[in-house]
Amino acid sequence: IEDPVVVELAERLVGNFQKALELELKK
């Protein structure tokens, strides 16, 4: 959780998850 790479990957994961969830919810 203190690794910048992990933080960046986690933020990317959350962002992609949010976009995917939003896309599905917009259906």
PDB file of all heavy atoms in Angstrom:
ATOM      1  N   ILE A   1       0.829  -1.211   0.000  1.00  0.00           N
ATOM      2  CA  ILE A   1       0.000   0.000   0.000  1.00  0.00           C
ATOM      3  C   ILE A   1       0.859   1.256   0.000  1.00  0.00           C
ATOM      4  O   ILE A   1       0.362   2.343  -0.278  1.00  0.00           O
ATOM      5  CB  ILE A   1      -0.947   0.016   1.215  1.00  0.00           C
ATOM      6  CG1 ILE A   1      -0.145   0.081   2.522  1.00  0.00           C
ATOM      7  CG2 ILE A   1      -1.845  -1.190   1.212  1.00  0.00           C
ATOM      8  CD1 ILE A   1      -1.020   0.298   3.740  1.00  0.00           C
ATOM      9  N   GLU A   2       2.163   1.115   0.321  1.00  0.00           N
ATOM     10  CA  GLU A   2       3.069   2.256   0.281  1.00  0.00           C
ATOM     11  C   GLU A   2       3.862   2.328  -1.011  1.00  0.00           C
ATOM     12  O   GLU A   2       4.600   3.293  -1.227  1.00  0.00           O
ATOM     13  CB  GLU A   2       4.029   2.188   1.478  1.00  0.00           C
ATOM     14  CG  GLU A   2       3.323   2.301   2.829  1.00  0.00           C
ATOM     15  CD  GLU A   2       4.287   2.105   3.988  1.00  0.00           C
ATOM     16  OE1 GLU A   2       5.474   1.817   3.713  1.00  0.00           O
ATOM     17  OE2 GLU A   2       3.858   2.241   5.150  1.00  0.00           O
ATOM     18  N   ASP A   3       3.714   1.327  -1.878  1.00  0.00           N
ATOM     19  CA  ASP A   3       4.434   1.288  -3.154  1.00  0.00           C
ATOM     20  C   ASP A   3       3.711   2.174  -4.162  1.00  0.00           C
ATOM     21  O   ASP A   3       2.531   1.971  -4.438  1.00  0.00           O
ATOM     22  CB  ASP A   3       4.509  -0.149  -3.664  1.00  0.00           C
ATOM     23  CG  ASP A   3       5.449  -0.276  -4.868  1.00  0.00           C
ATOM     24  OD1 ASP A   3       5.784   0.764  -5.470  1.00  0.00           O
ATOM     25  OD2 ASP A   3       5.825  -1.410  -5.195  1.00  0.00           O
ATOM     26  N   PRO A   4       4.403   3.169  -4.744  1.00  0.00           N
ATOM     27  CA  PRO A   4       3.724   4.046  -5.717  1.00  0.00           C
ATOM     28  C   PRO A   4       3.180   3.298  -6.919  1.00  0.00           C
ATOM     29  O   PRO A   4       2.132   3.655  -7.462  1.00  0.00           O
ATOM     30  CB  PRO A   4       4.824   5.023  -6.120  1.00  0.00           C
ATOM     31  CG  PRO A   4       5.810   4.977  -5.003  1.00  0.00           C
ATOM     32  CD  PRO A   4       5.774   3.574  -4.466  1.00  0.00           C
ATOM     33  N   VAL A   5       3.862   2.281  -7.335  1.00  0.00           N
ATOM     34  CA  VAL A   5       3.387   1.496  -8.489  1.00  0.00           C
ATOM     35  C   VAL A   5       2.077   0.808  -8.149  1.00  0.00           C
ATOM     36  O   VAL A   5       1.130   0.782  -8.950  1.00  0.00           O
ATOM     37  CB  VAL A   5       4.455   0.476  -8.916  1.00  0.00           C
ATOM     38  CG1 VAL A   5       3.927  -0.375 -10.080  1.00  0.00           C
ATOM     39  CG2 VAL A   5       5.742   1.176  -9.308  1.00  0.00           C
ATOM     40  N   VAL A   6       2.050   0.223  -6.926  1.00  0.00           N
ATOM     41  CA  VAL A   6       0.811  -0.446  -6.504  1.00  0.00           C
ATOM     42  C   VAL A   6      -0.333   0.557  -6.415  1.00  0.00           C
ATOM     43  O   VAL A   6      -1.472   0.284  -6.809  1.00  0.00           O
ATOM     44  CB  VAL A   6       1.034  -1.147  -5.156  1.00  0.00           C
ATOM     45  CG1 VAL A   6      -0.284  -1.724  -4.634  1.00  0.00           C
ATOM     46  CG2 VAL A   6       2.060  -2.255  -5.302  1.00  0.00           C
ATOM     47  N   VAL A   7      -0.034   1.743  -5.862  1.00  0.00           N
ATOM     48  CA  VAL A   7      -1.079   2.777  -5.752  1.00  0.00           C
ATOM     49  C   VAL A   7      -1.589   3.159  -7.125  1.00  0.00           C
ATOM     50  O   VAL A   7      -2.803   3.295  -7.348  1.00  0.00           O
ATOM     51  CB  VAL A   7      -0.519   4.004  -5.017  1.00  0.00           C
ATOM     52  CG1 VAL A   7      -1.533   5.145  -5.040  1.00  0.00           C
ATOM     53  CG2 VAL A   7      -0.158   3.651  -3.584  1.00  0.00           C
ATOM     54  N   GLU A   8      -0.655   3.316  -8.084  1.00  0.00           N
ATOM     55  CA  GLU A   8      -1.063   3.671  -9.442  1.00  0.00           C
ATOM     56  C   GLU A   8      -1.902   2.579 -10.079  1.00  0.00           C
ATOM     57  O   GLU A   8      -2.939   2.843 -10.713  1.00  0.00           O
ATOM     58  CB  GLU A   8       0.181   3.944 -10.286  1.00  0.00           C
ATOM     59  CG  GLU A   8      -0.138   4.373 -11.721  1.00  0.00           C
ATOM     60  CD  GLU A   8       1.128   4.618 -12.538  1.00  0.00           C
ATOM     61  OE1 GLU A   8       2.231   4.560 -11.960  1.00  0.00           O
ATOM     62  OE2 GLU A   8       0.978   4.854 -13.755  1.00  0.00           O
ATOM     63  N   LEU A   9      -1.457   1.310  -9.912  1.00  0.00           N
ATOM     64  CA  LEU A   9      -2.223   0.189 -10.466  1.00  0.00           C
ATOM     65  C   LEU A   9      -3.593   0.085  -9.809  1.00  0.00           C
ATOM     66  O   LEU A   9      -4.606  -0.208 -10.468  1.00  0.00           O
ATOM     67  CB  LEU A   9      -1.437  -1.115 -10.276  1.00  0.00           C
ATOM     68  CG  LEU A   9      -0.133  -1.244 -11.085  1.00  0.00           C
ATOM     69  CD1 LEU A   9       0.614  -2.515 -10.697  1.00  0.00           C
ATOM     70  CD2 LEU A   9      -0.433  -1.242 -12.581  1.00  0.00           C
ATOM     71  N   ALA A  10      -3.636   0.334  -8.477  1.00  0.00           N
ATOM     72  CA  ALA A  10      -4.922   0.256  -7.769  1.00  0.00           C
ATOM     73  C   ALA A  10      -5.868   1.347  -8.262  1.00  0.00           C
ATOM     74  O   ALA A  10      -7.065   1.104  -8.470  1.00  0.00           O
ATOM     75  CB  ALA A  10      -4.698   0.379  -6.266  1.00  0.00           C
ATOM     76  N   GLU A  11      -5.348   2.565  -8.462  1.00  0.00           N
ATOM     77  CA  GLU A  11      -6.188   3.655  -8.960  1.00  0.00           C
ATOM     78  C   GLU A  11      -6.690   3.350 -10.360  1.00  0.00           C
ATOM     79  O   GLU A  11      -7.837   3.641 -10.704  1.00  0.00           O
ATOM     80  CB  GLU A  11      -5.393   4.958  -8.955  1.00  0.00           C
ATOM     81  CG  GLU A  11      -5.109   5.488  -7.557  1.00  0.00           C
ATOM     82  CD  GLU A  11      -4.302   6.769  -7.594  1.00  0.00           C
ATOM     83  OE1 GLU A  11      -3.870   7.153  -8.713  1.00  0.00           O
ATOM     84  OE2 GLU A  11      -4.110   7.396  -6.528  1.00  0.00           O
ATOM     85  N   ARG A  12      -5.773   2.735 -11.187  1.00  0.00           N
ATOM     86  CA  ARG A  12      -6.215   2.355 -12.531  1.00  0.00           C
ATOM     87  C   ARG A  12      -7.308   1.302 -12.451  1.00  0.00           C
ATOM     88  O   ARG A  12      -8.281   1.346 -13.199  1.00  0.00           O
ATOM     89  CB  ARG A  12      -5.026   1.828 -13.316  1.00  0.00           C
ATOM     90  CG  ARG A  12      -5.372   1.515 -14.784  1.00  0.00           C
ATOM     91  CD  ARG A  12      -4.234   0.764 -15.463  1.00  0.00           C
ATOM     92  NE  ARG A  12      -2.977   1.527 -15.352  1.00  0.00           N
ATOM     93  CZ  ARG A  12      -1.795   1.022 -15.713  1.00  0.00           C
ATOM     94  NH1 ARG A  12      -1.719  -0.225 -16.176  1.00  0.00           N
ATOM     95  NH2 ARG A  12      -0.686   1.764 -15.593  1.00  0.00           N
ATOM     96  N   LEU A  13      -7.145   0.329 -11.522  1.00  0.00           N
ATOM     97  CA  LEU A  13      -8.162  -0.711 -11.352  1.00  0.00           C
ATOM     98  C   LEU A  13      -9.492  -0.110 -10.936  1.00  0.00           C
ATOM     99  O   LEU A  13     -10.556  -0.452 -11.472  1.00  0.00           O
ATOM    100  CB  LEU A  13      -7.681  -1.735 -10.316  1.00  0.00           C
ATOM    101  CG  LEU A  13      -8.699  -2.811  -9.911  1.00  0.00           C
ATOM    102  CD1 LEU A  13      -9.054  -3.683 -11.122  1.00  0.00           C
ATOM    103  CD2 LEU A  13      -8.139  -3.682  -8.786  1.00  0.00           C
ATOM    104  N   VAL A  14      -9.422   0.796  -9.958  1.00  0.00           N
ATOM    105  CA  VAL A  14     -10.665   1.422  -9.498  1.00  0.00           C
ATOM    106  C   VAL A  14     -11.316   2.229 -10.601  1.00  0.00           C
ATOM    107  O   VAL A  14     -12.535   2.213 -10.801  1.00  0.00           O
ATOM    108  CB  VAL A  14     -10.376   2.308  -8.264  1.00  0.00           C
ATOM    109  CG1 VAL A  14     -11.610   3.117  -7.888  1.00  0.00           C
ATOM    110  CG2 VAL A  14      -9.927   1.460  -7.086  1.00  0.00           C
ATOM    111  N   GLY A  15     -10.491   2.978 -11.369  1.00  0.00           N
ATOM    112  CA  GLY A  15     -11.043   3.767 -12.465  1.00  0.00           C
ATOM    113  C   GLY A  15     -11.689   2.908 -13.528  1.00  0.00           C
ATOM    114  O   GLY A  15     -12.788   3.218 -14.007  1.00  0.00           O
ATOM    115  N   ASN A  16     -11.013   1.831 -13.926  1.00  0.00           N
ATOM    116  CA  ASN A  16     -11.583   0.929 -14.928  1.00  0.00           C
ATOM    117  C   ASN A  16     -12.847   0.255 -14.412  1.00  0.00           C
ATOM    118  O   ASN A  16     -13.825   0.075 -15.145  1.00  0.00           O
ATOM    119  CB  ASN A  16     -10.549  -0.121 -15.342  1.00  0.00           C
ATOM    120  CG  ASN A  16      -9.396   0.497 -16.114  1.00  0.00           C
ATOM    121  OD1 ASN A  16      -9.554   1.535 -16.763  1.00  0.00           O
ATOM    122  ND2 ASN A  16      -8.218  -0.114 -16.050  1.00  0.00           N
ATOM    123  N   PHE A  17     -12.794  -0.120 -13.111  1.00  0.00           N
ATOM    124  CA  PHE A  17     -13.991  -0.737 -12.526  1.00  0.00           C
ATOM    125  C   PHE A  17     -15.159   0.247 -12.531  1.00  0.00           C
ATOM    126  O   PHE A  17     -16.301  -0.104 -12.845  1.00  0.00           O
ATOM    127  CB  PHE A  17     -13.677  -1.179 -11.092  1.00  0.00           C
ATOM    128  CG  PHE A  17     -14.881  -1.680 -10.336  1.00  0.00           C
ATOM    129  CD1 PHE A  17     -15.363  -2.969 -10.547  1.00  0.00           C
ATOM    130  CD2 PHE A  17     -15.548  -0.864  -9.436  1.00  0.00           C
ATOM    131  CE1 PHE A  17     -16.481  -3.425  -9.861  1.00  0.00           C
ATOM    132  CE2 PHE A  17     -16.656  -1.307  -8.750  1.00  0.00           C
ATOM    133  CZ  PHE A  17     -17.120  -2.602  -8.960  1.00  0.00           C
ATOM    134  N   GLN A  18     -14.865   1.492 -12.202  1.00  0.00           N
ATOM    135  CA  GLN A  18     -15.917   2.514 -12.180  1.00  0.00           C
ATOM    136  C   GLN A  18     -16.497   2.731 -13.569  1.00  0.00           C
ATOM    137  O   GLN A  18     -17.714   2.819 -13.738  1.00  0.00           O
ATOM    138  CB  GLN A  18     -15.331   3.817 -11.636  1.00  0.00           C
ATOM    139  CG  GLN A  18     -16.325   4.965 -11.578  1.00  0.00           C
ATOM    140  CD  GLN A  18     -15.711   6.204 -10.952  1.00  0.00           C
ATOM    141  OE1 GLN A  18     -14.807   6.097 -10.131  1.00  0.00           O
ATOM    142  NE2 GLN A  18     -16.188   7.359 -11.353  1.00  0.00           N
ATOM    143  N   LYS A  19     -15.617   2.798 -14.576  1.00  0.00           N
ATOM    144  CA  LYS A  19     -16.105   2.989 -15.949  1.00  0.00           C
ATOM    145  C   LYS A  19     -16.948   1.809 -16.410  1.00  0.00           C
ATOM    146  O   LYS A  19     -17.986   1.978 -17.048  1.00  0.00           O
ATOM    147  CB  LYS A  19     -14.920   3.187 -16.885  1.00  0.00           C
ATOM    148  CG  LYS A  19     -14.184   4.506 -16.670  1.00  0.00           C
ATOM    149  CD  LYS A  19     -12.992   4.632 -17.608  1.00  0.00           C
ATOM    150  CE  LYS A  19     -12.228   5.938 -17.369  1.00  0.00           C
ATOM    151  NZ  LYS A  19     -11.047   6.067 -18.258  1.00  0.00           N
ATOM    152  N   ALA A  20     -16.437   0.581 -16.091  1.00  0.00           N
ATOM    153  CA  ALA A  20     -17.197  -0.605 -16.501  1.00  0.00           C
ATOM    154  C   ALA A  20     -18.553  -0.662 -15.806  1.00  0.00           C
ATOM    155  O   ALA A  20     -19.578  -0.982 -16.418  1.00  0.00           O
ATOM    156  CB  ALA A  20     -16.382  -1.864 -16.199  1.00  0.00           C
ATOM    157  N   LEU A  21     -18.558  -0.338 -14.486  1.00  0.00           N
ATOM    158  CA  LEU A  21     -19.818  -0.343 -13.743  1.00  0.00           C
ATOM    159  C   LEU A  21     -20.767   0.723 -14.262  1.00  0.00           C
ATOM    160  O   LEU A  21     -21.972   0.479 -14.420  1.00  0.00           O
ATOM    161  CB  LEU A  21     -19.530  -0.125 -12.257  1.00  0.00           C
ATOM    162  CG  LEU A  21     -20.751  -0.111 -11.325  1.00  0.00           C
ATOM    163  CD1 LEU A  21     -21.486  -1.447 -11.397  1.00  0.00           C
ATOM    164  CD2 LEU A  21     -20.320   0.194  -9.898  1.00  0.00           C
ATOM    165  N   GLU A  22     -20.234   1.899 -14.552  1.00  0.00           N
ATOM    166  CA  GLU A  22     -21.068   2.962 -15.095  1.00  0.00           C
ATOM    167  C   GLU A  22     -21.658   2.564 -16.438  1.00  0.00           C
ATOM    168  O   GLU A  22     -22.835   2.820 -16.721  1.00  0.00           O
ATOM    169  CB  GLU A  22     -20.239   4.240 -15.233  1.00  0.00           C
ATOM    170  CG  GLU A  22     -21.035   5.419 -15.772  1.00  0.00           C
ATOM    171  CD  GLU A  22     -20.170   6.657 -15.939  1.00  0.00           C
ATOM    172  OE1 GLU A  22     -18.968   6.585 -15.633  1.00  0.00           O
ATOM    173  OE2 GLU A  22     -20.710   7.686 -16.384  1.00  0.00           O
ATOM    174  N   LEU A  23     -20.836   1.922 -17.267  1.00  0.00           N
ATOM    175  CA  LEU A  23     -21.311   1.497 -18.581  1.00  0.00           C
ATOM    176  C   LEU A  23     -22.455   0.512 -18.453  1.00  0.00           C
ATOM    177  O   LEU A  23     -23.454   0.593 -19.184  1.00  0.00           O
ATOM    178  CB  LEU A  23     -20.151   0.875 -19.367  1.00  0.00           C
ATOM    179  CG  LEU A  23     -20.469   0.456 -20.807  1.00  0.00           C
ATOM    180  CD1 LEU A  23     -20.871   1.669 -21.650  1.00  0.00           C
ATOM    181  CD2 LEU A  23     -19.265  -0.256 -21.427  1.00  0.00           C
ATOM    182  N   GLU A  24     -22.314  -0.420 -17.502  1.00  0.00           N
ATOM    183  CA  GLU A  24     -23.383  -1.400 -17.314  1.00  0.00           C
ATOM    184  C   GLU A  24     -24.632  -0.766 -16.721  1.00  0.00           C
ATOM    185  O   GLU A  24     -25.752  -1.124 -17.086  1.00  0.00           O
ATOM    186  CB  GLU A  24     -22.880  -2.529 -16.404  1.00  0.00           C
ATOM    187  CG  GLU A  24     -21.834  -3.422 -17.044  1.00  0.00           C
ATOM    188  CD  GLU A  24     -22.362  -4.135 -18.293  1.00  0.00           C
ATOM    189  OE1 GLU A  24     -23.533  -4.553 -18.283  1.00  0.00           O
ATOM    190  OE2 GLU A  24     -21.608  -4.234 -19.273  1.00  0.00           O
ATOM    191  N   LEU A  25     -24.414   0.169 -15.758  1.00  0.00           N
ATOM    192  CA  LEU A  25     -25.568   0.806 -15.129  1.00  0.00           C
ATOM    193  C   LEU A  25     -26.333   1.701 -16.088  1.00  0.00           C
ATOM    194  O   LEU A  25     -27.528   1.944 -15.898  1.00  0.00           O
ATOM    195  CB  LEU A  25     -25.118   1.627 -13.918  1.00  0.00           C
ATOM    196  CG  LEU A  25     -24.661   0.826 -12.689  1.00  0.00           C
ATOM    197  CD1 LEU A  25     -24.164   1.770 -11.606  1.00  0.00           C
ATOM    198  CD2 LEU A  25     -25.794  -0.040 -12.150  1.00  0.00           C
ATOM    199  N   LYS A  26     -25.632   2.209 -17.122  1.00  0.00           N
ATOM    200  CA  LYS A  26     -26.312   3.073 -18.084  1.00  0.00           C
ATOM    201  C   LYS A  26     -27.204   2.288 -19.029  1.00  0.00           C
ATOM    202  O   LYS A  26     -28.017   2.887 -19.738  1.00  0.00           O
ATOM    203  CB  LYS A  26     -25.277   3.851 -18.888  1.00  0.00           C
ATOM    204  CG  LYS A  26     -24.655   5.012 -18.112  1.00  0.00           C
ATOM    205  CD  LYS A  26     -23.697   5.804 -18.971  1.00  0.00           C
ATOM    206  CE  LYS A  26     -23.146   7.005 -18.221  1.00  0.00           C
ATOM    207  NZ  LYS A  26     -22.193   7.786 -19.055  1.00  0.00           N
ATOM    208  N   LYS A  27     -27.036   0.990 -19.062  1.00  0.00           N
ATOM    209  CA  LYS A  27     -27.924   0.185 -19.901  1.00  0.00           C
ATOM    210  C   LYS A  27     -29.349   0.284 -19.359  1.00  0.00           C
ATOM    211  O   LYS A  27     -29.573   0.199 -18.153  1.00  0.00           O
ATOM    212  CB  LYS A  27     -27.448  -1.263 -19.930  1.00  0.00           C
ATOM    213  CG  LYS A  27     -26.113  -1.435 -20.658  1.00  0.00           C
ATOM    214  CD  LYS A  27     -25.688  -2.900 -20.711  1.00  0.00           C
ATOM    215  CE  LYS A  27     -24.362  -3.052 -21.475  1.00  0.00           C
ATOM    216  NZ  LYS A  27     -23.914  -4.469 -21.535  1.00  0.00           N
TER     217      LYS A  27
END
